[in-house]
Amino acid sequence: MNWYEALIFGLVQGLTEFLPVSSDGHLEIVKFLFGGIEESFLFSVAVHGATVLSILVVFRKDIMNLFGGVLKFRMNEETVYALKLIVSMIPVAIVGFTLKDEVESLFVADMDITGSFLLVTALFLLVGHFVPKREKPITYGGAFLMGIAQALAVLPGLSRSGSTISTGLALGNSKNDLARFSFLMVIVPIVGANFMEAVTLEPQAADGVLFPLIVAFVAAFVSGYVACRWMIDIVKKGKLGWFALYCILIGLTLIIFA
């Protein structure tokens, strides 16, 4: 992968990781457009690590408050919130440990698969857009259901943020709470998955690709930071319908023409 391909991969990963349009699905589209170019594990670790870093920067105050509350070692508001985050991570952990090979077999730049799951993403977004808005707090059960939505979003074309936020909206959760919870619940799964990949890399894996790797990392971090801040405002304003239309148009285009 050369530097400009790395730049495109980084920008696409950073923007689509947080916008409800599926980062994995769009990376599959990029691979298809580049003639089946392969994204190495090293690039995957770099761009996903960059997007996690952008979340940490955006939510640094919230994360510090959570740690401060948890380290008091009593059942306070921060500890309860952290426990709900842990509950939300259970489904994706189960999928990661039991169905890893089956999921990876779908990442073959097949536009029928990607297009079909983009249409499913559109359905999630339409549900989230049209359900009556309420202000219920996130419960342990709701966190687990959002976790199931996150686990389903390992499929190419199914948006993680779109499915988790729409699930929360369907449960009647507050839009302000969902914007934060949806992004915080992905930190540990992404870090864990990338750690598992990183420990299997050979030390010489970065030889000859260090510059493209840096380009991809910086592009993913900057675009991820912008998209994360943008998505927070989008969720608060409840404007998910336009992304549903986008997913329908792209999904149908891929199925019909690609």
Protein backbone atom coordinates (compact mmCIF):
# COMPACT_ATOMS: atom_id res chain seq x y z
CA MET A 1 0.00 0.00 0.00
CA ASN A 2 1.50 3.35 -1.02
CA TRP A 3 1.08 6.66 0.78
CA TYR A 4 -1.95 7.99 -1.13
CA GLU A 5 -3.81 4.68 -0.73
CA ALA A 6 -2.95 4.85 2.97
CA LEU A 7 -4.29 8.43 3.08
CA ILE A 8 -7.61 7.35 1.55
CA PHE A 9 -7.91 4.36 3.89
CA GLY A 10 -7.19 6.56 6.91
CA LEU A 11 -9.67 9.26 5.91
CA VAL A 12 -12.42 6.74 5.12
CA GLN A 13 -11.83 4.84 8.37
CA GLY A 14 -11.83 7.96 10.52
CA LEU A 15 -14.92 9.53 8.96
CA THR A 16 -17.07 6.41 8.73
CA GLU A 17 -16.12 4.92 12.12
CA PHE A 18 -18.36 7.47 13.84
CA LEU A 19 -20.85 8.49 11.18
CA PRO A 20 -23.68 5.91 10.93
CA VAL A 21 -22.67 4.54 7.52
CA SER A 22 -20.35 1.59 8.42
CA SER A 23 -16.58 2.01 8.35
CA ASP A 24 -15.99 -1.66 7.46
CA GLY A 25 -18.49 -1.43 4.62
CA HIS A 26 -16.83 1.67 3.18
CA LEU A 27 -13.37 0.14 3.49
CA GLU A 28 -14.69 -2.84 1.53
CA ILE A 29 -15.89 -0.40 -1.15
CA VAL A 30 -12.46 1.25 -1.23
CA LYS A 31 -10.80 -2.15 -1.64
CA PHE A 32 -13.18 -2.96 -4.49
CA LEU A 33 -12.51 0.36 -6.23
CA PHE A 34 -8.75 -0.17 -5.90
CA GLY A 35 -9.04 -3.57 -7.53
CA GLY A 36 -9.08 -5.76 -4.45
CA ILE A 37 -6.19 -4.13 -2.60
CA GLU A 38 -5.49 -5.81 0.73
CA GLU A 39 -5.42 -3.92 4.02
CA SER A 40 -2.70 -5.50 6.18
CA PHE A 41 -3.20 -6.22 9.88
CA LEU A 42 -0.62 -3.51 10.57
CA PHE A 43 -2.70 -0.86 8.79
CA SER A 44 -5.84 -2.13 10.49
CA VAL A 45 -4.20 -1.78 13.91
CA ALA A 46 -2.93 1.71 13.02
CA VAL A 47 -6.20 3.22 11.75
CA HIS A 48 -8.37 1.63 14.43
CA GLY A 49 -5.90 2.74 17.09
CA ALA A 50 -6.09 6.28 15.69
CA THR A 51 -9.88 6.35 15.91
CA VAL A 52 -9.78 5.11 19.50
CA LEU A 53 -7.31 7.89 20.28
CA SER A 54 -9.71 10.43 18.78
CA ILE A 55 -12.49 9.14 21.09
CA LEU A 56 -10.17 9.46 24.09
CA VAL A 57 -9.41 13.05 23.17
CA VAL A 58 -13.06 14.02 22.58
CA PHE A 59 -14.32 12.35 25.78
CA ARG A 60 -11.23 12.88 27.93
CA LYS A 61 -13.15 14.69 30.68
CA ASP A 62 -15.88 12.03 30.80
CA ILE A 63 -13.30 9.25 30.93
CA MET A 64 -11.33 10.94 33.72
CA ASN A 65 -14.55 11.44 35.71
CA LEU A 66 -15.44 7.76 35.25
CA PHE A 67 -12.03 6.61 36.43
CA GLY A 68 -12.15 9.01 39.35
CA GLY A 69 -15.54 7.67 40.45
CA VAL A 70 -14.66 3.99 39.97
CA LEU A 71 -11.42 4.35 41.93
CA LYS A 72 -13.42 5.48 44.98
CA PHE A 73 -14.45 1.79 45.18
CA ARG A 74 -18.07 2.34 46.02
CA MET A 75 -21.34 2.01 44.11
CA ASN A 76 -21.64 5.58 42.93
CA GLU A 77 -22.99 7.00 39.66
CA GLU A 78 -19.67 6.54 37.83
CA THR A 79 -19.31 2.92 38.93
CA VAL A 80 -22.85 2.08 37.76
CA TYR A 81 -22.13 3.72 34.40
CA ALA A 82 -18.89 1.75 34.03
CA LEU A 83 -20.72 -1.50 34.84
CA LYS A 84 -23.28 -0.74 32.12
CA LEU A 85 -20.42 -0.19 29.67
CA ILE A 86 -18.98 -3.57 30.65
CA VAL A 87 -22.38 -5.24 30.14
CA SER A 88 -22.60 -3.67 26.67
CA MET A 89 -19.27 -5.26 25.71
CA ILE A 90 -20.29 -8.85 26.50
CA PRO A 91 -22.01 -9.68 23.15
CA VAL A 92 -19.15 -8.43 20.95
CA ALA A 93 -16.65 -10.30 23.13
CA ILE A 94 -18.61 -13.53 22.59
CA VAL A 95 -18.68 -12.96 18.83
CA GLY A 96 -14.97 -12.07 18.77
CA PHE A 97 -13.92 -15.24 20.58
CA THR A 98 -16.31 -17.70 18.90
CA LEU A 99 -17.08 -16.44 15.38
CA LYS A 100 -13.91 -14.59 14.36
CA ASP A 101 -13.12 -16.77 11.33
CA GLU A 102 -16.72 -16.81 10.10
CA VAL A 103 -16.92 -13.00 10.27
CA GLU A 104 -13.56 -12.50 8.54
CA SER A 105 -14.71 -14.75 5.68
CA LEU A 106 -17.27 -12.09 4.74
CA PHE A 107 -14.59 -9.43 4.18
CA VAL A 108 -13.84 -10.29 0.55
CA ALA A 109 -14.85 -7.01 -1.13
CA ASP A 110 -18.19 -8.59 -2.13
CA MET A 111 -20.42 -5.66 -3.01
CA ASP A 112 -23.62 -7.71 -2.79
CA ILE A 113 -22.86 -8.48 0.87
CA THR A 114 -21.79 -4.92 1.66
CA GLY A 115 -24.74 -3.37 -0.18
CA SER A 116 -27.23 -5.65 1.55
CA PHE A 117 -25.95 -4.79 5.02
CA LEU A 118 -25.97 -1.07 4.16
CA LEU A 119 -29.70 -1.47 3.53
CA VAL A 120 -30.01 -3.08 6.97
CA THR A 121 -28.15 -0.07 8.40
CA ALA A 122 -30.68 2.20 6.68
CA LEU A 123 -33.50 0.25 8.36
CA PHE A 124 -31.87 0.74 11.78
CA LEU A 125 -31.51 4.47 11.12
CA LEU A 126 -35.10 4.86 9.97
CA VAL A 127 -36.33 3.15 13.12
CA GLY A 128 -34.19 5.49 15.22
CA HIS A 129 -35.38 8.49 13.24
CA PHE A 130 -39.13 7.85 13.50
CA VAL A 131 -39.58 6.35 16.97
CA PRO A 132 -41.12 8.74 19.52
CA LYS A 133 -38.40 10.55 21.44
CA ARG A 134 -38.25 9.93 25.17
CA GLU A 135 -35.76 10.63 27.97
CA LYS A 136 -35.40 7.28 29.73
CA PRO A 137 -32.04 6.49 31.34
CA ILE A 138 -29.92 3.67 29.95
CA THR A 139 -30.54 0.47 31.93
CA TYR A 140 -28.43 -2.68 32.21
CA GLY A 141 -30.87 -4.46 29.88
CA GLY A 142 -30.72 -1.59 27.41
CA ALA A 143 -26.92 -1.63 27.54
CA PHE A 144 -26.93 -5.36 26.74
CA LEU A 145 -29.30 -4.85 23.79
CA MET A 146 -27.07 -2.07 22.48
CA GLY A 147 -24.19 -4.50 22.91
CA ILE A 148 -25.99 -7.04 20.72
CA ALA A 149 -26.43 -4.33 18.08
CA GLN A 150 -22.71 -3.60 18.33
CA ALA A 151 -21.89 -7.30 17.93
CA LEU A 152 -24.03 -7.50 14.78
CA ALA A 153 -22.13 -4.50 13.41
CA VAL A 154 -18.98 -6.58 12.89
CA LEU A 155 -20.60 -7.44 9.55
CA PRO A 156 -19.39 -5.37 6.57
CA GLY A 157 -21.92 -2.65 5.82
CA LEU A 158 -23.72 -2.70 9.17
CA SER A 159 -22.92 0.52 11.03
CA ARG A 160 -21.84 0.20 14.65
CA SER A 161 -22.82 3.72 15.69
CA GLY A 162 -26.01 3.61 13.62
CA SER A 163 -27.19 0.30 15.06
CA THR A 164 -26.30 1.06 18.70
CA ILE A 165 -27.72 4.59 18.73
CA SER A 166 -30.88 3.52 16.89
CA THR A 167 -31.36 0.66 19.35
CA GLY A 168 -31.06 3.11 22.23
CA LEU A 169 -33.52 5.51 20.61
CA ALA A 170 -35.97 2.63 20.09
CA LEU A 171 -35.65 1.87 23.82
CA GLY A 172 -36.54 5.48 24.60
CA ASN A 173 -33.11 6.55 25.86
CA SER A 174 -32.04 10.17 25.93
CA LYS A 175 -30.23 11.36 22.78
CA ASN A 176 -27.63 13.18 24.88
CA ASP A 177 -26.85 10.02 26.88
CA LEU A 178 -26.70 7.84 23.77
CA ALA A 179 -24.14 9.99 21.98
CA ARG A 180 -21.66 9.49 24.82
CA PHE A 181 -22.51 5.87 25.70
CA SER A 182 -22.36 4.65 22.10
CA PHE A 183 -18.83 5.95 21.61
CA LEU A 184 -17.47 4.94 25.01
CA MET A 185 -18.73 1.36 24.68
CA VAL A 186 -16.51 0.74 21.64
CA ILE A 187 -13.18 1.72 23.20
CA VAL A 188 -12.33 -1.54 25.00
CA PRO A 189 -13.50 -3.89 22.18
CA ILE A 190 -11.40 -2.03 19.57
CA VAL A 191 -8.37 -1.83 21.86
CA GLY A 192 -8.73 -5.53 22.73
CA ALA A 193 -9.10 -6.63 19.11
CA ASN A 194 -6.14 -4.56 18.01
CA PHE A 195 -4.01 -5.82 20.88
CA MET A 196 -4.72 -9.41 19.83
CA GLU A 197 -3.67 -8.55 16.27
CA ALA A 198 -0.64 -6.53 17.36
CA VAL A 199 0.90 -9.32 19.45
CA THR A 200 0.94 -11.59 16.38
CA LEU A 201 2.81 -9.06 14.20
CA GLU A 202 6.45 -9.63 13.37
CA PRO A 203 8.83 -6.77 14.33
CA GLN A 204 9.86 -6.32 10.70
CA ALA A 205 6.22 -5.89 9.54
CA ALA A 206 6.64 -2.11 9.45
CA ASP A 207 9.77 -2.23 7.28
CA GLY A 208 9.24 -0.25 4.07
CA VAL A 209 5.74 0.91 5.03
CA LEU A 210 6.48 3.25 7.92
CA PHE A 211 5.64 6.46 6.04
CA PRO A 212 2.29 5.17 4.62
CA LEU A 213 1.54 3.85 8.11
CA ILE A 214 2.08 7.30 9.66
CA VAL A 215 -0.02 8.90 6.90
CA ALA A 216 -2.89 6.46 7.57
CA PHE A 217 -2.69 7.00 11.35
CA VAL A 218 -2.72 10.81 11.15
CA ALA A 219 -5.52 10.84 8.55
CA ALA A 220 -7.66 8.47 10.63
CA PHE A 221 -7.09 10.46 13.83
CA VAL A 222 -7.90 13.88 12.35
CA SER A 223 -10.93 12.72 10.36
CA GLY A 224 -12.09 10.59 13.30
CA TYR A 225 -11.91 13.54 15.69
CA VAL A 226 -13.95 15.72 13.33
CA ALA A 227 -16.52 12.97 12.65
CA CYS A 228 -16.89 12.13 16.35
CA ARG A 229 -17.64 15.76 17.27
CA TRP A 230 -20.00 16.06 14.30
CA MET A 231 -21.84 12.86 15.17
CA ILE A 232 -22.48 14.04 18.74
CA ASP A 233 -24.33 17.07 17.36
CA ILE A 234 -26.19 14.93 14.81
CA VAL A 235 -27.48 12.56 17.49
CA LYS A 236 -28.56 15.42 19.75
CA LYS A 237 -30.51 16.97 16.87
CA GLY A 238 -31.94 13.60 15.81
CA LYS A 239 -30.97 13.96 12.14
CA LEU A 240 -30.36 10.30 11.24
CA GLY A 241 -32.81 10.16 8.33
CA TRP A 242 -30.38 11.67 5.84
CA PHE A 243 -27.84 8.95 6.58
CA ALA A 244 -30.54 6.33 6.04
CA LEU A 245 -31.18 7.78 2.59
CA TYR A 246 -27.44 7.75 1.86
CA CYS A 247 -27.13 4.08 2.91
CA ILE A 248 -30.13 3.14 0.73
CA LEU A 249 -28.66 4.89 -2.33
CA ILE A 250 -25.17 3.41 -1.87
CA GLY A 251 -26.49 -0.04 -0.96
CA LEU A 252 -28.76 -0.26 -4.01
CA THR A 253 -26.01 1.09 -6.26
CA LEU A 254 -23.60 -1.59 -5.09
CA ILE A 255 -26.13 -4.41 -5.49
CA ILE A 256 -27.31 -3.30 -8.94
CA PHE A 257 -24.13 -2.06 -10.59
CA ALA A 258 -21.04 -3.29 -8.74
